[in-house]
Amino acid sequence: MKKVLTLFLWMFLSSVLVFSQPEDFLLYPDGNIPLNKNCSSIPKIDSTKEGRPSRLKNIQIPKMTYWKTFKPRPKKTALLVIPGGSYAFVSYENEGRKVAERFQNEGFDVFVLKYRLPNPDCQKSAPWVPLTDAMTALELIQKRGYDKVGVIGFSAGGHLASNLATLFDKNPYKAAVKPPNFACLVYPVISFKESVHVDSKRNLLGKDTSQSMVDLFSSELQISKDTPPTLLIHSADDQSVSYQNSEIFFENLLKKKVHSEIHLFPFGGHGFGLGRVERAEAPEWVHLALDFFERF
């Protein structure tokens, strides 16, 4: 009997481990990647001390990594997670994998976006490339038949998530998609006009850009009645991306009568990912997001 129980336990644990392995999906499985052109840029991966992928650079083939939940919610819900990195790299470990595993355990299917970063040497109309990948990812997830699909974005990934919430029908290189059902923006870059994060603006739009492009990619100016309910998380002592980015977006969401909430914490700095589990002074924000997702 003991051997049977041991065998059963081993089989159960093995099936869970197999079931829990994340999968990679190509955004463009036919190899026809929009706006790409031939270039010599070589993808680069910085690793953690444990050997996990940490910062992804020079991404040429965009993908999503999928974590399937073990305990789906009554309303089947997916999350598209968009890591930040100033549009210079994708912070995959801190704002991708760890976030995915946390929300996977809360009943969400999670997809982490490995999006192309703007590079005029490798792309045509480079400022539109990250949004084109994000819109394609959102559309692919929506086609899976979820009751709700939300987006979580961090820093420059928060800017890209805010673009999904506001520019989903304004991309000249991608047909309009349905906006996400809700958005959670964590220490997001928002505006390229006020409290600007200079690196994100320069990396996305280039050094010489038109005022019309600055306005278009300032998300606070692009809010409409179709912008989804939005939760904003920021720390007042953020020395990289000013908390005023979140405030600007919040104020303009209210003007457009879009349901929104903002939680401004005194400490935490920038790049705290999951919050207190990463940094003692960082805010506990996941429970706020879970409550918001449940309501919207």
Protein backbone atom coordinates (compact mmCIF):
# COMPACT_ATOMS: atom_id res chain seq x y z
CA MET A 1 0.00 0.00 0.00
CA LYS A 2 2.83 2.33 0.90
CA LYS A 3 4.47 1.71 -2.49
CA VAL A 4 1.20 2.45 -4.26
CA LEU A 5 0.77 5.75 -2.38
CA THR A 6 4.38 6.70 -3.10
CA LEU A 7 3.91 5.92 -6.79
CA PHE A 8 0.67 7.92 -6.89
CA LEU A 9 2.32 10.90 -5.20
CA TRP A 10 5.26 10.76 -7.61
CA MET A 11 2.91 10.59 -10.61
CA PHE A 12 0.85 13.50 -9.25
CA LEU A 13 3.87 15.71 -8.62
CA SER A 14 5.33 14.82 -12.02
CA SER A 15 2.08 15.77 -13.75
CA VAL A 16 1.97 19.10 -11.88
CA LEU A 17 5.56 19.88 -12.83
CA VAL A 18 4.88 19.09 -16.48
CA PHE A 19 1.63 21.01 -16.41
CA SER A 20 3.28 24.06 -14.87
CA GLN A 21 6.06 24.46 -17.42
CA PRO A 22 5.64 27.76 -19.27
CA GLU A 23 5.35 27.68 -23.06
CA ASP A 24 6.67 30.09 -25.65
CA PHE A 25 4.43 31.23 -28.51
CA LEU A 26 5.60 33.17 -31.54
CA LEU A 27 3.58 36.30 -32.25
CA TYR A 28 4.12 35.78 -35.97
CA PRO A 29 4.43 32.02 -36.52
CA ASP A 30 4.52 32.40 -40.31
CA GLY A 31 7.77 34.36 -39.99
CA ASN A 32 6.26 37.48 -41.55
CA ILE A 33 7.20 39.97 -38.84
CA PRO A 34 5.74 43.42 -39.58
CA LEU A 35 8.04 46.43 -39.91
CA ASN A 36 11.20 44.29 -39.69
CA LYS A 37 14.10 44.83 -42.07
CA ASN A 38 17.41 43.02 -42.36
CA CYS A 39 20.02 44.07 -39.83
CA SER A 40 23.07 42.69 -38.05
CA SER A 41 21.80 43.23 -34.51
CA ILE A 42 22.26 40.10 -32.38
CA PRO A 43 19.81 39.24 -29.56
CA LYS A 44 21.41 39.37 -26.11
CA ILE A 45 20.29 37.91 -22.79
CA ASP A 46 21.68 39.03 -19.43
CA SER A 47 21.25 36.31 -16.79
CA THR A 48 20.68 36.31 -13.04
CA LYS A 49 23.13 34.65 -10.64
CA GLU A 50 20.91 31.57 -10.84
CA GLY A 51 21.18 31.51 -14.62
CA ARG A 52 17.66 32.73 -15.36
CA PRO A 53 17.05 35.17 -18.23
CA SER A 54 17.02 38.66 -16.69
CA ARG A 55 17.30 41.44 -19.28
CA LEU A 56 16.46 40.74 -22.91
CA LYS A 57 17.99 43.02 -25.55
CA ASN A 58 17.87 43.29 -29.35
CA ILE A 59 14.81 41.06 -29.61
CA GLN A 60 14.24 40.20 -33.28
CA ILE A 61 11.54 37.52 -33.00
CA PRO A 62 8.80 38.59 -30.55
CA LYS A 63 7.13 35.96 -28.38
CA MET A 64 4.79 35.42 -25.47
CA THR A 65 5.57 33.04 -22.61
CA TYR A 66 2.43 31.39 -21.22
CA TRP A 67 1.75 30.24 -17.66
CA LYS A 68 -1.48 28.25 -17.32
CA THR A 69 -3.16 28.47 -13.92
CA PHE A 70 -3.95 25.39 -11.84
CA LYS A 71 -7.13 26.87 -10.40
CA PRO A 72 -9.02 28.99 -12.93
CA ARG A 73 -11.49 31.56 -11.69
CA PRO A 74 -15.25 31.23 -12.35
CA LYS A 75 -14.80 33.88 -15.01
CA LYS A 76 -11.86 32.66 -17.03
CA THR A 77 -9.39 35.55 -17.04
CA ALA A 78 -6.03 36.10 -18.70
CA LEU A 79 -3.37 38.70 -18.04
CA LEU A 80 -0.91 40.12 -20.54
CA VAL A 81 2.18 41.20 -18.58
CA ILE A 82 4.48 43.77 -20.19
CA PRO A 83 7.86 44.26 -18.48
CA GLY A 84 9.67 47.58 -18.64
CA GLY A 85 13.22 48.58 -19.43
CA SER A 86 13.16 52.13 -20.86
CA TYR A 87 12.52 50.66 -24.34
CA ALA A 88 16.19 49.60 -24.20
CA PHE A 89 15.68 46.10 -22.73
CA VAL A 90 12.90 43.87 -21.42
CA SER A 91 13.12 43.29 -17.65
CA TYR A 92 11.95 39.71 -17.99
CA GLU A 93 12.84 38.27 -14.57
CA ASN A 94 11.78 41.05 -12.20
CA GLU A 95 8.70 42.26 -14.08
CA GLY A 96 7.88 39.17 -16.10
CA ARG A 97 8.48 35.67 -14.78
CA LYS A 98 8.03 36.47 -11.09
CA VAL A 99 4.85 38.43 -11.77
CA ALA A 100 3.49 35.62 -13.96
CA GLU A 101 4.03 32.96 -11.32
CA ARG A 102 2.40 35.12 -8.64
CA PHE A 103 -0.77 35.76 -10.64
CA GLN A 104 -0.81 32.21 -11.99
CA ASN A 105 -1.24 31.12 -8.38
CA GLU A 106 -4.19 33.51 -8.06
CA GLY A 107 -6.20 31.83 -10.82
CA PHE A 108 -5.09 33.75 -13.92
CA ASP A 109 -3.61 32.46 -17.13
CA VAL A 110 -0.63 34.74 -17.69
CA PHE A 111 1.22 35.70 -20.87
CA VAL A 112 4.51 37.63 -20.60
CA LEU A 113 5.34 39.68 -23.68
CA LYS A 114 8.85 39.61 -25.13
CA TYR A 115 8.42 42.53 -27.49
CA ARG A 116 10.75 44.09 -30.01
CA LEU A 117 12.48 47.25 -28.90
CA PRO A 118 12.56 50.24 -31.27
CA ASN A 119 15.64 50.17 -33.49
CA PRO A 120 15.62 52.23 -36.72
CA ASP A 121 18.51 50.13 -38.09
CA CYS A 122 16.35 46.99 -37.90
CA GLN A 123 12.83 48.33 -38.35
CA LYS A 124 10.71 50.63 -40.43
CA SER A 125 8.62 53.13 -38.41
CA ALA A 126 10.38 51.94 -35.24
CA PRO A 127 8.19 53.86 -32.72
CA TRP A 128 5.21 51.72 -33.77
CA VAL A 129 6.97 48.39 -33.37
CA PRO A 130 6.39 47.75 -29.63
CA LEU A 131 2.70 48.67 -29.92
CA THR A 132 2.29 46.46 -32.99
CA ASP A 133 3.66 43.52 -31.00
CA ALA A 134 1.50 44.33 -27.97
CA MET A 135 -1.65 44.62 -30.08
CA THR A 136 -0.87 41.32 -31.81
CA ALA A 137 -0.32 39.62 -28.44
CA LEU A 138 -3.58 40.99 -27.02
CA GLU A 139 -5.50 39.88 -30.10
CA LEU A 140 -4.05 36.35 -29.92
CA ILE A 141 -5.03 36.04 -26.26
CA GLN A 142 -8.53 37.39 -26.89
CA LYS A 143 -9.05 34.76 -29.58
CA ARG A 144 -8.62 32.05 -26.95
CA GLY A 145 -12.11 32.78 -25.65
CA TYR A 146 -11.43 34.24 -22.20
CA ASP A 147 -14.22 36.03 -20.35
CA LYS A 148 -11.80 38.88 -19.60
CA VAL A 149 -8.29 39.84 -20.69
CA GLY A 150 -6.40 42.44 -18.68
CA VAL A 151 -2.96 43.98 -19.00
CA ILE A 152 -0.29 44.74 -16.38
CA GLY A 153 2.60 46.98 -17.40
CA PHE A 154 5.69 48.17 -15.54
CA SER A 155 7.65 51.38 -16.19
CA ALA A 156 8.14 51.66 -19.98
CA GLY A 157 6.03 48.50 -20.17
CA GLY A 158 3.41 50.56 -18.36
CA HIS A 159 3.65 53.09 -21.16
CA LEU A 160 3.16 50.32 -23.69
CA ALA A 161 0.20 48.99 -21.69
CA SER A 162 -1.29 52.50 -21.60
CA ASN A 163 -0.85 52.62 -25.40
CA LEU A 164 -2.87 49.39 -25.60
CA ALA A 165 -5.58 51.10 -23.57
CA THR A 166 -5.63 54.26 -25.70
CA LEU A 167 -4.10 53.64 -29.16
CA PHE A 168 -5.68 50.24 -29.88
CA ASP A 169 -7.42 51.71 -32.95
CA LYS A 170 -4.82 54.29 -34.02
CA ASN A 171 -1.90 52.17 -35.21
CA PRO A 172 -1.38 52.71 -38.96
CA TYR A 173 0.47 49.38 -39.22
CA LYS A 174 -2.01 47.13 -37.40
CA ALA A 175 -5.77 46.79 -37.67
CA ALA A 176 -7.72 47.91 -34.60
CA VAL A 177 -8.13 45.43 -31.75
CA LYS A 178 -10.50 45.35 -28.81
CA PRO A 179 -8.97 47.15 -25.83
CA PRO A 180 -8.16 45.11 -22.72
CA ASN A 181 -10.96 44.73 -20.17
CA PHE A 182 -8.85 46.41 -17.48
CA ALA A 183 -5.32 47.74 -17.00
CA CYS A 184 -2.89 47.87 -14.09
CA LEU A 185 0.01 50.27 -14.56
CA VAL A 186 2.87 49.98 -12.06
CA TYR A 187 5.24 52.99 -11.84
CA PRO A 188 4.39 53.69 -15.49
CA VAL A 189 5.91 56.06 -17.98
CA ILE A 190 2.89 57.99 -19.32
CA SER A 191 3.65 61.46 -20.64
CA PHE A 192 6.27 62.70 -23.08
CA LYS A 193 5.20 66.30 -22.38
CA GLU A 194 5.25 66.55 -18.56
CA SER A 195 7.47 64.82 -15.98
CA VAL A 196 9.15 63.08 -18.89
CA HIS A 197 11.29 59.96 -18.51
CA VAL A 198 13.92 61.07 -20.97
CA ASP A 199 15.42 57.66 -21.78
CA SER A 200 12.06 56.09 -22.63
CA LYS A 201 11.08 59.01 -24.83
CA ARG A 202 14.39 59.07 -26.68
CA ASN A 203 14.54 55.28 -27.11
CA LEU A 204 11.00 55.08 -28.45
CA LEU A 205 10.69 58.22 -30.56
CA GLY A 206 14.33 59.04 -31.35
CA LYS A 207 16.24 62.24 -30.72
CA ASP A 208 14.47 64.22 -33.43
CA THR A 209 10.75 63.65 -33.49
CA SER A 210 7.71 65.68 -34.39
CA GLN A 211 5.38 67.32 -31.92
CA SER A 212 2.53 65.24 -33.31
CA MET A 213 4.36 62.02 -32.35
CA VAL A 214 5.12 63.38 -28.89
CA ASP A 215 1.42 64.14 -28.43
CA LEU A 216 0.29 60.82 -29.87
CA PHE A 217 2.49 58.78 -27.54
CA SER A 218 1.61 60.87 -24.48
CA SER A 219 -1.06 58.54 -23.23
CA GLU A 220 -2.88 61.09 -21.10
CA LEU A 221 -3.86 62.89 -24.31
CA GLN A 222 -5.27 59.78 -26.01
CA ILE A 223 -7.88 58.65 -23.49
CA SER A 224 -11.35 57.94 -24.86
CA LYS A 225 -14.62 56.48 -23.62
CA ASP A 226 -13.29 53.06 -24.70
CA THR A 227 -10.22 53.24 -22.47
CA PRO A 228 -10.67 50.45 -19.90
CA PRO A 229 -10.82 50.79 -16.09
CA THR A 230 -7.28 51.46 -14.92
CA LEU A 231 -5.41 50.91 -11.65
CA LEU A 232 -2.26 52.97 -11.07
CA ILE A 233 0.49 52.02 -8.59
CA HIS A 234 3.42 54.35 -7.87
CA SER A 235 5.83 55.43 -5.14
CA ALA A 236 6.35 59.09 -4.28
CA ASP A 237 10.10 58.56 -3.92
CA ASP A 238 10.51 57.17 -7.44
CA GLN A 239 13.62 58.94 -8.72
CA SER A 240 13.48 57.38 -12.17
CA VAL A 241 9.89 57.79 -13.37
CA SER A 242 8.12 60.54 -11.47
CA TYR A 243 4.86 59.62 -9.73
CA GLN A 244 3.37 62.59 -11.57
CA ASN A 245 3.09 60.32 -14.61
CA SER A 246 0.47 58.28 -12.76
CA GLU A 247 -1.23 61.39 -11.42
CA ILE A 248 -1.46 62.94 -14.91
CA PHE A 249 -3.05 59.80 -16.31
CA PHE A 250 -5.43 59.46 -13.36
CA GLU A 251 -6.63 63.06 -13.64
CA ASN A 252 -7.29 62.71 -17.36
CA LEU A 253 -9.08 59.37 -16.89
CA LEU A 254 -11.41 61.11 -14.45
CA LYS A 255 -12.06 63.93 -16.93
CA LYS A 256 -13.11 61.32 -19.50
CA LYS A 257 -15.23 59.51 -16.88
CA VAL A 258 -13.15 56.33 -17.13
CA HIS A 259 -13.15 54.41 -13.86
CA SER A 260 -9.71 54.62 -12.32
CA GLU A 261 -7.91 54.23 -9.02
CA ILE A 262 -4.51 55.47 -7.95
CA HIS A 263 -2.46 54.22 -5.01
CA LEU A 264 0.51 56.47 -4.28
CA PHE A 265 2.87 55.05 -1.65
CA PRO A 266 5.51 57.08 0.22
CA PHE A 267 8.37 54.61 -0.34
CA GLY A 268 9.43 51.94 -2.78
CA GLY A 269 11.50 53.75 -5.39
CA HIS A 270 11.45 52.38 -8.91
CA GLY A 271 11.56 48.85 -10.29
CA PHE A 272 10.19 47.03 -7.25
CA GLY A 273 8.33 44.45 -9.31
CA LEU A 274 6.08 42.44 -7.01
CA GLY A 275 6.63 44.89 -4.18
CA ARG A 276 7.61 44.00 -0.64
CA VAL A 277 8.72 40.48 -1.50
CA GLU A 278 11.40 42.13 -3.63
CA ARG A 279 12.24 45.13 -1.46
CA ALA A 280 11.39 45.68 2.21
CA GLU A 281 10.24 49.28 1.78
CA ALA A 282 8.25 48.63 -1.40
CA PRO A 283 4.44 48.65 -1.34
CA GLU A 284 2.23 45.57 -1.15
CA TRP A 285 0.15 46.15 -4.27
CA VAL A 286 -0.86 42.71 -5.56
CA HIS A 287 -3.92 42.48 -3.28
CA LEU A 288 -5.06 45.87 -4.60
CA ALA A 289 -4.77 44.57 -8.16
CA LEU A 290 -6.65 41.37 -7.31
CA ASP A 291 -9.50 43.38 -5.82
CA PHE A 292 -9.58 45.68 -8.84
CA PHE A 293 -9.55 42.79 -11.32
CA GLU A 294 -12.38 41.11 -9.44
CA ARG A 295 -14.54 44.22 -9.75
CA PHE A 296 -13.75 44.96 -13.38
